[in-house]
C-alpha cells in the first residue's frame, strides 16, 4: 500500500490510491469514524483526558478504537506469519514486535495466533 502522509505546521493530509485499498478497509475505517476516534484516543493519552469525555463520546471512541485495534492485531499476526514464512528468525521477529530480541515466546504466540486465524496448523 502506498499511503503517503504530508504534514505541515497546521495540517496533515493522508493520500492513497483506491487501488491501494482494494477491499475498502481504509475507506471503511474513515467512513465509519473508527480512524478518527482511534486518533482521538491517541491524542487523549492521559487517563484524566479520557475520563473527562462525556459517556457517549467515550463509548463511541472506545467502540471504534477497539474495532480498529482488533483489525490491526489480525494484520500484525498475518504479517508475523509472512515474515516467519520468509525465514525471519524468532529473535528478529521478537525484536520487530516488542523491541526485545529475547521475547521469542511473544513472537511464537503471535505467529501461532496468525496461523489459527488463517486456518493453518500451529507449531504447538
PDB file of N, CA and C in Angstrom:
ATOM      1  N   UNK A   1       0.845  -1.166   0.000  1.00  0.00           N
ATOM      2  CA  UNK A   1       0.000   0.000   0.000  1.00  0.00           C
ATOM      3  C   UNK A   1       0.892   1.232   0.000  1.00  0.00           C
ATOM      4  N   UNK A   2       0.593   2.120  -0.864  1.00  0.00           N
ATOM      5  CA  UNK A   2       1.395   3.330  -0.994  1.00  0.00           C
ATOM      6  C   UNK A   2       0.690   4.503  -0.320  1.00  0.00           C
ATOM      7  N   UNK A   3       0.575   4.447   0.997  1.00  0.00           N
ATOM      8  CA  UNK A   3      -0.020   5.551   1.738  1.00  0.00           C
ATOM      9  C   UNK A   3       1.036   6.625   1.897  1.00  0.00           C
ATOM     10  N   UNK A   4       0.606   7.859   1.701  1.00  0.00           N
ATOM     11  CA  UNK A   4       1.509   8.990   1.835  1.00  0.00           C
ATOM     12  C   UNK A   4       0.913   9.966   2.842  1.00  0.00           C
ATOM     13  N   UNK A   5       1.712  10.384   3.808  1.00  0.00           N
ATOM     14  CA  UNK A   5       1.267  11.353   4.800  1.00  0.00           C
ATOM     15  C   UNK A   5       2.098  12.608   4.630  1.00  0.00           C
ATOM     16  N   UNK A   6       1.413  13.719   4.404  1.00  0.00           N
ATOM     17  CA  UNK A   6       2.062  15.017   4.246  1.00  0.00           C
ATOM     18  C   UNK A   6       1.694  15.868   5.442  1.00  0.00           C
ATOM     19  N   UNK A   7       2.704  16.381   6.110  1.00  0.00           N
ATOM     20  CA  UNK A   7       2.458  17.162   7.309  1.00  0.00           C
ATOM     21  C   UNK A   7       3.040  18.554   7.154  1.00  0.00           C
ATOM     22  N   UNK A   8       2.226  19.549   7.474  1.00  0.00           N
ATOM     23  CA  UNK A   8       2.682  20.932   7.513  1.00  0.00           C
ATOM     24  C   UNK A   8       2.484  21.433   8.946  1.00  0.00           C
ATOM     25  N   UNK A   9       2.751  22.691   9.170  1.00  0.00           N
ATOM     26  CA  UNK A   9       2.624  23.246  10.517  1.00  0.00           C
ATOM     27  C   UNK A   9       1.199  23.158  11.058  1.00  0.00           C
ATOM     28  N   UNK A  10       0.196  23.257  10.187  1.00  0.00           N
ATOM     29  CA  UNK A  10      -1.176  23.291  10.682  1.00  0.00           C
ATOM     30  C   UNK A  10      -2.105  22.242  10.079  1.00  0.00           C
ATOM     31  N   UNK A  11      -1.566  21.300   9.301  1.00  0.00           N
ATOM     32  CA  UNK A  11      -2.435  20.331   8.650  1.00  0.00           C
ATOM     33  C   UNK A  11      -1.664  19.058   8.320  1.00  0.00           C
ATOM     34  N   UNK A  12      -2.371  17.937   8.379  1.00  0.00           N
ATOM     35  CA  UNK A  12      -1.820  16.669   7.939  1.00  0.00           C
ATOM     36  C   UNK A  12      -2.792  16.065   6.937  1.00  0.00           C
ATOM     37  N   UNK A  13      -2.258  15.589   5.830  1.00  0.00           N
ATOM     38  CA  UNK A  13      -3.076  15.002   4.772  1.00  0.00           C
ATOM     39  C   UNK A  13      -2.615  13.574   4.528  1.00  0.00           C
ATOM     40  N   UNK A  14      -3.581  12.667   4.443  1.00  0.00           N
ATOM     41  CA  UNK A  14      -3.291  11.265   4.136  1.00  0.00           C
ATOM     42  C   UNK A  14      -3.811  10.999   2.725  1.00  0.00           C
ATOM     43  N   UNK A  15      -2.940  10.499   1.863  1.00  0.00           N
ATOM     44  CA  UNK A  15      -3.311  10.198   0.480  1.00  0.00           C
ATOM     45  C   UNK A  15      -2.992   8.743   0.157  1.00  0.00           C
ATOM     46  N   UNK A  16      -3.844   8.140  -0.624  1.00  0.00           N
ATOM     47  CA  UNK A  16      -3.591   6.827  -1.177  1.00  0.00           C
ATOM     48  C   UNK A  16      -4.481   6.643  -2.391  1.00  0.00           C
ATOM     49  N   UNK A  17      -4.114   5.713  -3.231  1.00  0.00           N
ATOM     50  CA  UNK A  17      -4.890   5.400  -4.421  1.00  0.00           C
ATOM     51  C   UNK A  17      -5.927   4.342  -4.070  1.00  0.00           C
ATOM     52  N   UNK A  18      -7.061   4.414  -4.706  1.00  0.00           N
ATOM     53  CA  UNK A  18      -8.113   3.419  -4.461  1.00  0.00           C
ATOM     54  C   UNK A  18      -7.585   1.992  -4.666  1.00  0.00           C
ATOM     55  N   UNK A  19      -6.677   1.827  -5.610  1.00  0.00           N
ATOM     56  CA  UNK A  19      -6.121   0.500  -5.863  1.00  0.00           C
ATOM     57  C   UNK A  19      -5.257   0.006  -4.699  1.00  0.00           C
ATOM     58  N   UNK A  20      -4.827   0.923  -3.810  1.00  0.00           N
ATOM     59  CA  UNK A  20      -4.055   0.524  -2.632  1.00  0.00           C
ATOM     60  C   UNK A  20      -4.950  -0.036  -1.530  1.00  0.00           C
ATOM     61  N   UNK A  21      -6.256   0.099  -1.672  1.00  0.00           N
ATOM     62  CA  UNK A  21      -7.231  -0.355  -0.676  1.00  0.00           C
ATOM     63  C   UNK A  21      -8.349  -1.116  -1.385  1.00  0.00           C
ATOM     64  N   UNK A  22      -8.002  -2.222  -2.071  1.00  0.00           N
ATOM     65  CA  UNK A  22      -8.978  -2.887  -2.933  1.00  0.00           C
ATOM     66  C   UNK A  22     -10.208  -3.419  -2.197  1.00  0.00           C
ATOM     67  N   UNK A  23     -10.070  -3.767  -0.937  1.00  0.00           N
ATOM     68  CA  UNK A  23     -11.219  -4.276  -0.188  1.00  0.00           C
ATOM     69  C   UNK A  23     -11.920  -3.184   0.610  1.00  0.00           C
ATOM     70  N   UNK A  24     -11.392  -1.968   0.552  1.00  0.00           N
ATOM     71  CA  UNK A  24     -12.046  -0.835   1.165  1.00  0.00           C
ATOM     72  C   UNK A  24     -11.901  -0.723   2.671  1.00  0.00           C
ATOM     73  N   UNK A  25     -10.910  -1.376   3.254  1.00  0.00           N
ATOM     74  CA  UNK A  25     -10.744  -1.320   4.709  1.00  0.00           C
ATOM     75  C   UNK A  25     -10.386   0.081   5.202  1.00  0.00           C
ATOM     76  N   UNK A  26      -9.548   0.774   4.475  1.00  0.00           N
ATOM     77  CA  UNK A  26      -9.177   2.134   4.886  1.00  0.00           C
ATOM     78  C   UNK A  26     -10.389   3.045   4.745  1.00  0.00           C
ATOM     79  N   UNK A  27     -11.087   2.923   3.644  1.00  0.00           N
ATOM     80  CA  UNK A  27     -12.285   3.738   3.433  1.00  0.00           C
ATOM     81  C   UNK A  27     -13.314   3.454   4.524  1.00  0.00           C
ATOM     82  N   UNK A  28     -13.509   2.192   4.877  1.00  0.00           N
ATOM     83  CA  UNK A  28     -14.459   1.839   5.935  1.00  0.00           C
ATOM     84  C   UNK A  28     -14.044   2.442   7.272  1.00  0.00           C
ATOM     85  N   UNK A  29     -12.749   2.397   7.578  1.00  0.00           N
ATOM     86  CA  UNK A  29     -12.265   2.964   8.845  1.00  0.00           C
ATOM     87  C   UNK A  29     -12.504   4.467   8.888  1.00  0.00           C
ATOM     88  N   UNK A  30     -12.390   5.109   7.749  1.00  0.00           N
ATOM     89  CA  UNK A  30     -12.619   6.562   7.691  1.00  0.00           C
ATOM     90  C   UNK A  30     -14.113   6.858   7.718  1.00  0.00           C
ATOM     91  N   UNK A  31     -14.878   6.207   6.838  1.00  0.00           N
ATOM     92  CA  UNK A  31     -16.312   6.498   6.727  1.00  0.00           C
ATOM     93  C   UNK A  31     -17.076   6.171   8.009  1.00  0.00           C
ATOM     94  N   UNK A  32     -16.634   5.157   8.727  1.00  0.00           N
ATOM     95  CA  UNK A  32     -17.317   4.761   9.964  1.00  0.00           C
ATOM     96  C   UNK A  32     -16.920   5.629  11.152  1.00  0.00           C
ATOM     97  N   UNK A  33     -15.852   6.417  10.998  1.00  0.00           N
ATOM     98  CA  UNK A  33     -15.359   7.239  12.100  1.00  0.00           C
ATOM     99  C   UNK A  33     -14.363   6.523  12.982  1.00  0.00           C
ATOM    100  N   UNK A  34     -14.102   5.229  12.716  1.00  0.00           N
ATOM    101  CA  UNK A  34     -13.166   4.472  13.568  1.00  0.00           C
ATOM    102  C   UNK A  34     -11.775   5.082  13.560  1.00  0.00           C
ATOM    103  N   UNK A  35     -11.284   5.484  12.395  1.00  0.00           N
ATOM    104  CA  UNK A  35      -9.947   6.065  12.334  1.00  0.00           C
ATOM    105  C   UNK A  35      -9.900   7.378  13.112  1.00  0.00           C
ATOM    106  N   UNK A  36     -10.888   8.201  12.922  1.00  0.00           N
ATOM    107  CA  UNK A  36     -10.960   9.479  13.634  1.00  0.00           C
ATOM    108  C   UNK A  36     -11.002   9.261  15.151  1.00  0.00           C
ATOM    109  N   UNK A  37     -11.831   8.320  15.586  1.00  0.00           N
ATOM    110  CA  UNK A  37     -11.926   8.047  17.019  1.00  0.00           C
ATOM    111  C   UNK A  37     -10.628   7.467  17.579  1.00  0.00           C
ATOM    112  N   UNK A  38      -9.990   6.571  16.838  1.00  0.00           N
ATOM    113  CA  UNK A  38      -8.733   5.985  17.312  1.00  0.00           C
ATOM    114  C   UNK A  38      -7.653   7.051  17.414  1.00  0.00           C
ATOM    115  N   UNK A  39      -7.596   7.949  16.452  1.00  0.00           N
ATOM    116  CA  UNK A  39      -6.618   9.041  16.518  1.00  0.00           C
ATOM    117  C   UNK A  39      -6.937   9.992  17.666  1.00  0.00           C
ATOM    118  N   UNK A  40      -8.218  10.193  17.948  1.00  0.00           N
ATOM    119  CA  UNK A  40      -8.613  11.000  19.101  1.00  0.00           C
ATOM    120  C   UNK A  40      -8.134  10.340  20.385  1.00  0.00           C
ATOM    121  N   UNK A  41      -8.305   9.017  20.475  1.00  0.00           N
ATOM    122  CA  UNK A  41      -7.853   8.296  21.670  1.00  0.00           C
ATOM    123  C   UNK A  41      -6.336   8.417  21.842  1.00  0.00           C
ATOM    124  N   UNK A  42      -5.604   8.378  20.747  1.00  0.00           N
ATOM    125  CA  UNK A  42      -4.150   8.561  20.837  1.00  0.00           C
ATOM    126  C   UNK A  42      -3.799   9.946  21.355  1.00  0.00           C
ATOM    127  N   UNK A  43      -4.535  10.943  20.917  1.00  0.00           N
ATOM    128  CA  UNK A  43      -4.266  12.311  21.338  1.00  0.00           C
ATOM    129  C   UNK A  43      -4.625  12.567  22.787  1.00  0.00           C
ATOM    130  N   UNK A  44      -5.621  11.840  23.289  1.00  0.00           N
ATOM    131  CA  UNK A  44      -6.038  11.971  24.684  1.00  0.00           C
ATOM    132  C   UNK A  44      -5.319  10.899  25.503  1.00  0.00           C
ATOM    133  N   UNK A  45      -4.035  11.058  25.642  1.00  0.00           N
ATOM    134  CA  UNK A  45      -3.197   9.977  26.165  1.00  0.00           C
ATOM    135  C   UNK A  45      -3.223   9.820  27.679  1.00  0.00           C
ATOM    136  N   UNK A  46      -3.779  10.750  28.423  1.00  0.00           N
ATOM    137  CA  UNK A  46      -3.820  10.588  29.876  1.00  0.00           C
ATOM    138  C   UNK A  46      -5.189  10.060  30.296  1.00  0.00           C
ATOM    139  N   UNK A  47      -5.225   9.380  31.404  1.00  0.00           N
ATOM    140  CA  UNK A  47      -6.485   8.873  31.934  1.00  0.00           C
ATOM    141  C   UNK A  47      -7.454  10.018  32.194  1.00  0.00           C
ATOM    142  N   UNK A  48      -6.938  11.105  32.724  1.00  0.00           N
ATOM    143  CA  UNK A  48      -7.793  12.255  33.026  1.00  0.00           C
ATOM    144  C   UNK A  48      -8.468  12.800  31.765  1.00  0.00           C
ATOM    145  N   UNK A  49      -7.719  12.875  30.678  1.00  0.00           N
ATOM    146  CA  UNK A  49      -8.286  13.383  29.428  1.00  0.00           C
ATOM    147  C   UNK A  49      -9.359  12.433  28.897  1.00  0.00           C
ATOM    148  N   UNK A  50      -9.104  11.142  28.983  1.00  0.00           N
ATOM    149  CA  UNK A  50     -10.089  10.168  28.512  1.00  0.00           C
ATOM    150  C   UNK A  50     -11.323  10.141  29.404  1.00  0.00           C
ATOM    151  N   UNK A  51     -11.126  10.237  30.704  1.00  0.00           N
ATOM    152  CA  UNK A  51     -12.274  10.180  31.618  1.00  0.00           C
ATOM    153  C   UNK A  51     -13.076  11.477  31.606  1.00  0.00           C
ATOM    154  N   UNK A  52     -12.514  12.563  31.110  1.00  0.00           N
ATOM    155  CA  UNK A  52     -13.229  13.838  31.048  1.00  0.00           C
ATOM    156  C   UNK A  52     -14.248  13.880  29.911  1.00  0.00           C
ATOM    157  N   UNK A  53     -14.172  12.936  28.987  1.00  0.00           N
ATOM    158  CA  UNK A  53     -15.141  12.894  27.889  1.00  0.00           C
ATOM    159  C   UNK A  53     -16.520  12.548  28.427  1.00  0.00           C
ATOM    160  N   UNK A  54     -17.567  13.016  27.765  1.00  0.00           N
ATOM    161  CA  UNK A  54     -18.899  12.593  28.215  1.00  0.00           C
ATOM    162  C   UNK A  54     -19.069  11.110  27.871  1.00  0.00           C
ATOM    163  N   UNK A  55     -19.969  10.451  28.545  1.00  0.00           N
ATOM    164  CA  UNK A  55     -20.083   8.997  28.444  1.00  0.00           C
ATOM    165  C   UNK A  55     -20.377   8.507  27.030  1.00  0.00           C
ATOM    166  N   UNK A  56     -21.141   9.276  26.259  1.00  0.00           N
ATOM    167  CA  UNK A  56     -21.488   8.850  24.900  1.00  0.00           C
ATOM    168  C   UNK A  56     -20.295   8.978  23.961  1.00  0.00           C
ATOM    169  N   UNK A  57     -19.581  10.072  24.094  1.00  0.00           N
ATOM    170  CA  UNK A  57     -18.378  10.274  23.283  1.00  0.00           C
ATOM    171  C   UNK A  57     -17.329   9.220  23.633  1.00  0.00           C
ATOM    172  N   UNK A  58     -17.155   8.964  24.916  1.00  0.00           N
ATOM    173  CA  UNK A  58     -16.190   7.957  25.365  1.00  0.00           C
ATOM    174  C   UNK A  58     -16.583   6.578  24.833  1.00  0.00           C
ATOM    175  N   UNK A  59     -17.874   6.250  24.860  1.00  0.00           N
ATOM    176  CA  UNK A  59     -18.337   4.956  24.353  1.00  0.00           C
ATOM    177  C   UNK A  59     -18.063   4.825  22.855  1.00  0.00           C
ATOM    178  N   UNK A  60     -18.322   5.883  22.090  1.00  0.00           N
ATOM    179  CA  UNK A  60     -18.045   5.860  20.644  1.00  0.00           C
ATOM    180  C   UNK A  60     -16.560   5.655  20.379  1.00  0.00           C
ATOM    181  N   UNK A  61     -15.733   6.386  21.108  1.00  0.00           N
ATOM    182  CA  UNK A  61     -14.281   6.273  20.924  1.00  0.00           C
ATOM    183  C   UNK A  61     -13.803   4.883  21.330  1.00  0.00           C
ATOM    184  N   UNK A  62     -14.328   4.361  22.426  1.00  0.00           N
ATOM    185  CA  UNK A  62     -13.947   3.025  22.885  1.00  0.00           C
ATOM    186  C   UNK A  62     -14.321   1.968  21.859  1.00  0.00           C
ATOM    187  N   UNK A  63     -15.552   2.000  21.385  1.00  0.00           N
ATOM    188  CA  UNK A  63     -16.027   1.003  20.416  1.00  0.00           C
ATOM    189  C   UNK A  63     -15.215   1.059  19.118  1.00  0.00           C
ATOM    190  N   UNK A  64     -15.014   2.253  18.624  1.00  0.00           N
ATOM    191  CA  UNK A  64     -14.278   2.426  17.370  1.00  0.00           C
ATOM    192  C   UNK A  64     -12.818   2.014  17.505  1.00  0.00           C
ATOM    193  N   UNK A  65     -12.198   2.427  18.597  1.00  0.00           N
ATOM    194  CA  UNK A  65     -10.785   2.104  18.801  1.00  0.00           C
ATOM    195  C   UNK A  65     -10.596   0.607  18.995  1.00  0.00           C
ATOM    196  N   UNK A  66     -11.513  -0.028  19.719  1.00  0.00           N
ATOM    197  CA  UNK A  66     -11.427  -1.484  19.917  1.00  0.00           C
ATOM    198  C   UNK A  66     -11.564  -2.221  18.592  1.00  0.00           C
ATOM    199  N   UNK A  67     -12.495  -1.774  17.744  1.00  0.00           N
ATOM    200  CA  UNK A  67     -12.691  -2.431  16.446  1.00  0.00           C
ATOM    201  C   UNK A  67     -11.458  -2.272  15.564  1.00  0.00           C
ATOM    202  N   UNK A  68     -10.902  -1.076  15.528  1.00  0.00           N
ATOM    203  CA  UNK A  68      -9.709  -0.845  14.719  1.00  0.00           C
ATOM    204  C   UNK A  68      -8.521  -1.613  15.282  1.00  0.00           C
ATOM    205  N   UNK A  69      -8.411  -1.652  16.593  1.00  0.00           N
ATOM    206  CA  UNK A  69      -7.329  -2.390  17.235  1.00  0.00           C
ATOM    207  C   UNK A  69      -7.411  -3.885  16.905  1.00  0.00           C
ATOM    208  N   UNK A  70      -8.608  -4.443  16.923  1.00  0.00           N
ATOM    209  CA  UNK A  70      -8.786  -5.859  16.598  1.00  0.00           C
ATOM    210  C   UNK A  70      -8.360  -6.149  15.163  1.00  0.00           C
ATOM    211  N   UNK A  71      -8.728  -5.260  14.256  1.00  0.00           N
ATOM    212  CA  UNK A  71      -8.341  -5.449  12.856  1.00  0.00           C
ATOM    213  C   UNK A  71      -6.831  -5.333  12.688  1.00  0.00           C
ATOM    214  N   UNK A  72      -6.225  -4.369  13.357  1.00  0.00           N
ATOM    215  CA  UNK A  72      -4.769  -4.208  13.270  1.00  0.00           C
ATOM    216  C   UNK A  72      -4.042  -5.392  13.919  1.00  0.00           C
ATOM    217  N   UNK A  73      -4.592  -5.927  14.999  1.00  0.00           N
ATOM    218  CA  UNK A  73      -3.998  -7.106  15.637  1.00  0.00           C
ATOM    219  C   UNK A  73      -4.003  -8.278  14.668  1.00  0.00           C
ATOM    220  N   UNK A  74      -5.103  -8.442  13.961  1.00  0.00           N
ATOM    221  CA  UNK A  74      -5.185  -9.508  12.949  1.00  0.00           C
ATOM    222  C   UNK A  74      -4.111  -9.318  11.885  1.00  0.00           C
ATOM    223  N   UNK A  75      -3.916  -8.071  11.449  1.00  0.00           N
ATOM    224  CA  UNK A  75      -2.903  -7.786  10.437  1.00  0.00           C
ATOM    225  C   UNK A  75      -1.497  -8.052  10.964  1.00  0.00           C
ATOM    226  N   UNK A  76      -1.242  -7.689  12.217  1.00  0.00           N
ATOM    227  CA  UNK A  76       0.074  -7.958  12.824  1.00  0.00           C
ATOM    228  C   UNK A  76       0.334  -9.460  12.831  1.00  0.00           C
ATOM    229  N   UNK A  77      -0.653 -10.233  13.168  1.00  0.00           N
ATOM    230  CA  UNK A  77      -0.498 -11.697  13.188  1.00  0.00           C
ATOM    231  C   UNK A  77      -0.190 -12.231  11.796  1.00  0.00           C
ATOM    232  N   UNK A  78      -0.898 -11.743  10.795  1.00  0.00           N
ATOM    233  CA  UNK A  78      -0.641 -12.208   9.421  1.00  0.00           C
ATOM    234  C   UNK A  78       0.737 -11.756   8.929  1.00  0.00           C
ATOM    235  N   UNK A  79       1.131 -10.536   9.265  1.00  0.00           N
ATOM    236  CA  UNK A  79       2.471 -10.069   8.906  1.00  0.00           C
ATOM    237  C   UNK A  79       3.544 -10.923   9.574  1.00  0.00           C
ATOM    238  N   UNK A  80       3.287 -11.340  10.811  1.00  0.00           N
ATOM    239  CA  UNK A  80       4.229 -12.189  11.539  1.00  0.00           C
ATOM    240  C   UNK A  80       4.374 -13.538  10.844  1.00  0.00           C
ATOM    241  N   UNK A  81       3.259 -14.110  10.415  1.00  0.00           N
ATOM    242  CA  UNK A  81       3.317 -15.386   9.691  1.00  0.00           C
ATOM    243  C   UNK A  81       4.095 -15.209   8.387  1.00  0.00           C
ATOM    244  N   UNK A  82       3.815 -14.150   7.657  1.00  0.00           N
ATOM    245  CA  UNK A  82       4.511 -13.910   6.393  1.00  0.00           C
ATOM    246  C   UNK A  82       6.013 -13.738   6.623  1.00  0.00           C
ATOM    247  N   UNK A  83       6.383 -12.987   7.652  1.00  0.00           N
ATOM    248  CA  UNK A  83       7.805 -12.763   7.935  1.00  0.00           C
ATOM    249  C   UNK A  83       8.495 -14.065   8.326  1.00  0.00           C
ATOM    250  N   UNK A  84       7.842 -14.854   9.155  1.00  0.00           N
ATOM    251  CA  UNK A  84       8.433 -16.133   9.578  1.00  0.00           C
ATOM    252  C   UNK A  84       8.519 -17.095   8.393  1.00  0.00           C
ATOM    253  N   UNK A  85       7.484 -17.136   7.572  1.00  0.00           N
ATOM    254  CA  UNK A  85       7.489 -17.995   6.388  1.00  0.00           C
ATOM    255  C   UNK A  85       8.594 -17.593   5.415  1.00  0.00           C
ATOM    256  N   UNK A  86       8.981 -16.314   5.427  1.00  0.00           N
ATOM    257  CA  UNK A  86      10.081 -15.844   4.585  1.00  0.00           C
ATOM    258  C   UNK A  86      11.443 -16.086   5.222  1.00  0.00           C
ATOM    259  N   UNK A  87      11.465 -16.673   6.426  1.00  0.00           N
ATOM    260  CA  UNK A  87      12.725 -17.047   7.050  1.00  0.00           C
ATOM    261  C   UNK A  87      13.206 -16.148   8.176  1.00  0.00           C
ATOM    262  N   UNK A  88      12.403 -15.178   8.603  1.00  0.00           N
ATOM    263  CA  UNK A  88      12.822 -14.320   9.709  1.00  0.00           C
ATOM    264  C   UNK A  88      12.979 -15.173  10.972  1.00  0.00           C
ATOM    265  N   UNK A  89      14.043 -14.939  11.707  1.00  0.00           N
ATOM    266  CA  UNK A  89      14.296 -15.713  12.924  1.00  0.00           C
ATOM    267  C   UNK A  89      13.342 -15.279  14.039  1.00  0.00           C
ATOM    268  N   UNK A  90      13.198 -16.141  15.050  1.00  0.00           N
ATOM    269  CA  UNK A  90      12.352 -15.810  16.196  1.00  0.00           C
ATOM    270  C   UNK A  90      12.874 -14.571  16.914  1.00  0.00           C
ATOM    271  N   UNK A  91      14.177 -14.452  17.038  1.00  0.00           N
ATOM    272  CA  UNK A  91      14.757 -13.290  17.702  1.00  0.00           C
ATOM    273  C   UNK A  91      14.474 -11.996  16.951  1.00  0.00           C
ATOM    274  N   UNK A  92      14.594 -12.030  15.641  1.00  0.00           N
ATOM    275  CA  UNK A  92      14.309 -10.841  14.844  1.00  0.00           C
ATOM    276  C   UNK A  92      12.826 -10.511  14.898  1.00  0.00           C
ATOM    277  N   UNK A  93      11.969 -11.532  14.806  1.00  0.00           N
ATOM    278  CA  UNK A  93      10.531 -11.307  14.925  1.00  0.00           C
ATOM    279  C   UNK A  93      10.201 -10.688  16.278  1.00  0.00           C
ATOM    280  N   UNK A  94      10.790 -11.226  17.333  1.00  0.00           N
ATOM    281  CA  UNK A  94      10.547 -10.693  18.678  1.00  0.00           C
ATOM    282  C   UNK A  94      10.964  -9.232  18.752  1.00  0.00           C
ATOM    283  N   UNK A  95      12.104  -8.934  18.175  1.00  0.00           N
ATOM    284  CA  UNK A  95      12.590  -7.563  18.175  1.00  0.00           C
ATOM    285  C   UNK A  95      11.653  -6.639  17.402  1.00  0.00           C
ATOM    286  N   UNK A  96      11.142  -7.110  16.276  1.00  0.00           N
ATOM    287  CA  UNK A  96      10.212  -6.302  15.473  1.00  0.00           C
ATOM    288  C   UNK A  96       8.890  -6.074  16.209  1.00  0.00           C
ATOM    289  N   UNK A  97       8.432  -7.088  16.934  1.00  0.00           N
ATOM    290  CA  UNK A  97       7.138  -7.000  17.622  1.00  0.00           C
ATOM    291  C   UNK A  97       7.206  -6.234  18.941  1.00  0.00           C
ATOM    292  N   UNK A  98       8.305  -6.393  19.669  1.00  0.00           N
ATOM    293  CA  UNK A  98       8.353  -5.868  21.041  1.00  0.00           C
ATOM    294  C   UNK A  98       9.546  -4.971  21.318  1.00  0.00           C
ATOM    295  N   UNK A  99      10.532  -4.968  20.425  1.00  0.00           N
ATOM    296  CA  UNK A  99      11.768  -4.237  20.693  1.00  0.00           C
ATOM    297  C   UNK A  99      12.751  -5.049  21.511  1.00  0.00           C
ATOM    298  N   UNK A 100      12.381  -6.267  21.879  1.00  0.00           N
ATOM    299  CA  UNK A 100      13.228  -7.140  22.701  1.00  0.00           C
ATOM    300  C   UNK A 100      13.489  -8.444  21.953  1.00  0.00           C
ATOM    301  N   UNK A 101      14.721  -8.665  21.500  1.00  0.00           N
ATOM    302  CA  UNK A 101      15.003  -9.888  20.738  1.00  0.00           C
ATOM    303  C   UNK A 101      14.883 -11.167  21.570  1.00  0.00           C
ATOM    304  N   UNK A 102      14.775 -11.022  22.875  1.00  0.00           N
ATOM    305  CA  UNK A 102      14.655 -12.196  23.749  1.00  0.00           C
ATOM    306  C   UNK A 102      13.197 -12.582  24.000  1.00  0.00           C
ATOM    307  N   UNK A 103      12.253 -11.803  23.506  1.00  0.00           N
ATOM    308  CA  UNK A 103      10.827 -12.080  23.705  1.00  0.00           C
ATOM    309  C   UNK A 103      10.318 -13.054  22.651  1.00  0.00           C
ATOM    310  N   UNK A 104      11.038 -14.146  22.504  1.00  0.00           N
ATOM    311  CA  UNK A 104      10.700 -15.120  21.465  1.00  0.00           C
ATOM    312  C   UNK A 104       9.347 -15.781  21.692  1.00  0.00           C
ATOM    313  N   UNK A 105       8.964 -15.970  22.946  1.00  0.00           N
ATOM    314  CA  UNK A 105       7.660 -16.597  23.209  1.00  0.00           C
ATOM    315  C   UNK A 105       6.521 -15.703  22.730  1.00  0.00           C
ATOM    316  N   UNK A 106       6.694 -14.394  22.807  1.00  0.00           N
ATOM    317  CA  UNK A 106       5.691 -13.469  22.288  1.00  0.00           C
ATOM    318  C   UNK A 106       5.600 -13.605  20.768  1.00  0.00           C
ATOM    319  N   UNK A 107       6.750 -13.707  20.122  1.00  0.00           N
ATOM    320  CA  UNK A 107       6.769 -13.878  18.666  1.00  0.00           C
ATOM    321  C   UNK A 107       6.089 -15.187  18.276  1.00  0.00           C
ATOM    322  N   UNK A 108       6.399 -16.256  18.999  1.00  0.00           N
ATOM    323  CA  UNK A 108       5.779 -17.552  18.692  1.00  0.00           C
ATOM    324  C   UNK A 108       4.271 -17.515  18.926  1.00  0.00           C
ATOM    325  N   UNK A 109       3.833 -16.871  19.994  1.00  0.00           N
ATOM    326  CA  UNK A 109       2.396 -16.765  20.278  1.00  0.00           C
ATOM    327  C   UNK A 109       1.680 -15.971  19.190  1.00  0.00           C
ATOM    328  N   UNK A 110       2.293 -14.887  18.753  1.00  0.00           N
ATOM    329  CA  UNK A 110       1.707 -14.063  17.690  1.00  0.00           C
ATOM    330  C   UNK A 110       1.640 -14.858  16.392  1.00  0.00           C
ATOM    331  N   UNK A 111       2.706 -15.585  16.105  1.00  0.00           N
ATOM    332  CA  UNK A 111       2.771 -16.432  14.910  1.00  0.00           C
ATOM    333  C   UNK A 111       1.678 -17.502  14.949  1.00  0.00           C
ATOM    334  N   UNK A 112       1.566 -18.195  16.085  1.00  0.00           N
ATOM    335  CA  UNK A 112       0.549 -19.241  16.209  1.00  0.00           C
ATOM    336  C   UNK A 112      -0.862 -18.672  16.106  1.00  0.00           C
ATOM    337  N   UNK A 113      -1.088 -17.503  16.684  1.00  0.00           N
ATOM    338  CA  UNK A 113      -2.409 -16.867  16.565  1.00  0.00           C
ATOM    339  C   UNK A 113      -2.714 -16.545  15.107  1.00  0.00           C
ATOM    340  N   UNK A 114      -1.712 -16.099  14.371  1.00  0.00           N
ATOM    341  CA  UNK A 114      -1.888 -15.832  12.947  1.00  0.00           C
ATOM    342  C   UNK A 114      -2.207 -17.098  12.174  1.00  0.00           C
ATOM    343  N   UNK A 115      -1.500 -18.170  12.486  1.00  0.00           N
ATOM    344  CA  UNK A 115      -1.781 -19.450  11.827  1.00  0.00           C
ATOM    345  C   UNK A 115      -3.213 -19.900  12.096  1.00  0.00           C
ATOM    346  N   UNK A 116      -3.651 -19.789  13.357  1.00  0.00           N
ATOM    347  CA  UNK A 116      -5.022 -20.181  13.704  1.00  0.00           C
ATOM    348  C   UNK A 116      -6.039 -19.340  12.924  1.00  0.00           C
ATOM    349  N   UNK A 117      -5.812 -18.040  12.852  1.00  0.00           N
ATOM    350  CA  UNK A 117      -6.740 -17.175  12.121  1.00  0.00           C
ATOM    351  C   UNK A 117      -6.790 -17.525  10.645  1.00  0.00           C
ATOM    352  N   UNK A 118      -5.682 -18.011  10.115  1.00  0.00           N
ATOM    353  CA  UNK A 118      -5.618 -18.364   8.703  1.00  0.00           C
ATOM    354  C   UNK A 118      -6.080 -19.790   8.438  1.00  0.00           C
ATOM    355  N   UNK A 119      -6.380 -20.528   9.521  1.00  0.00           N
ATOM    356  CA  UNK A 119      -6.821 -21.914   9.373  1.00  0.00           C
ATOM    357  C   UNK A 119      -5.697 -22.874   9.074  1.00  0.00           C
ATOM    358  N   UNK A 120      -4.470 -22.484   9.413  1.00  0.00           N
ATOM    359  CA  UNK A 120      -3.306 -23.342   9.185  1.00  0.00           C
ATOM    360  C   UNK A 120      -2.919 -24.021  10.490  1.00  0.00           C
ATOM    361  N   UNK A 121      -2.264 -25.178  10.417  1.00  0.00           N
ATOM    362  CA  UNK A 121      -1.838 -25.864  11.644  1.00  0.00           C
ATOM    363  C   UNK A 121      -0.811 -25.022  12.415  1.00  0.00           C
ATOM    364  N   UNK A 122      -0.927 -25.028  13.744  1.00  0.00           N
ATOM    365  CA  UNK A 122       0.001 -24.255  14.567  1.00  0.00           C
ATOM    366  C   UNK A 122       1.243 -25.060  14.883  1.00  0.00           C
ATOM    367  N   UNK A 123       2.237 -24.387  15.451  1.00  0.00           N
ATOM    368  CA  UNK A 123       3.513 -25.041  15.762  1.00  0.00           C
ATOM    369  C   UNK A 123       3.463 -25.763  17.093  1.00  0.00           C
ATOM    370  N   UNK A 124       2.425 -25.516  17.912  1.00  0.00           N
ATOM    371  CA  UNK A 124       2.357 -26.170  19.230  1.00  0.00           C
ATOM    372  C   UNK A 124       1.354 -27.271  19.263  1.00  0.00           C
TER     373      UNK A 124
END
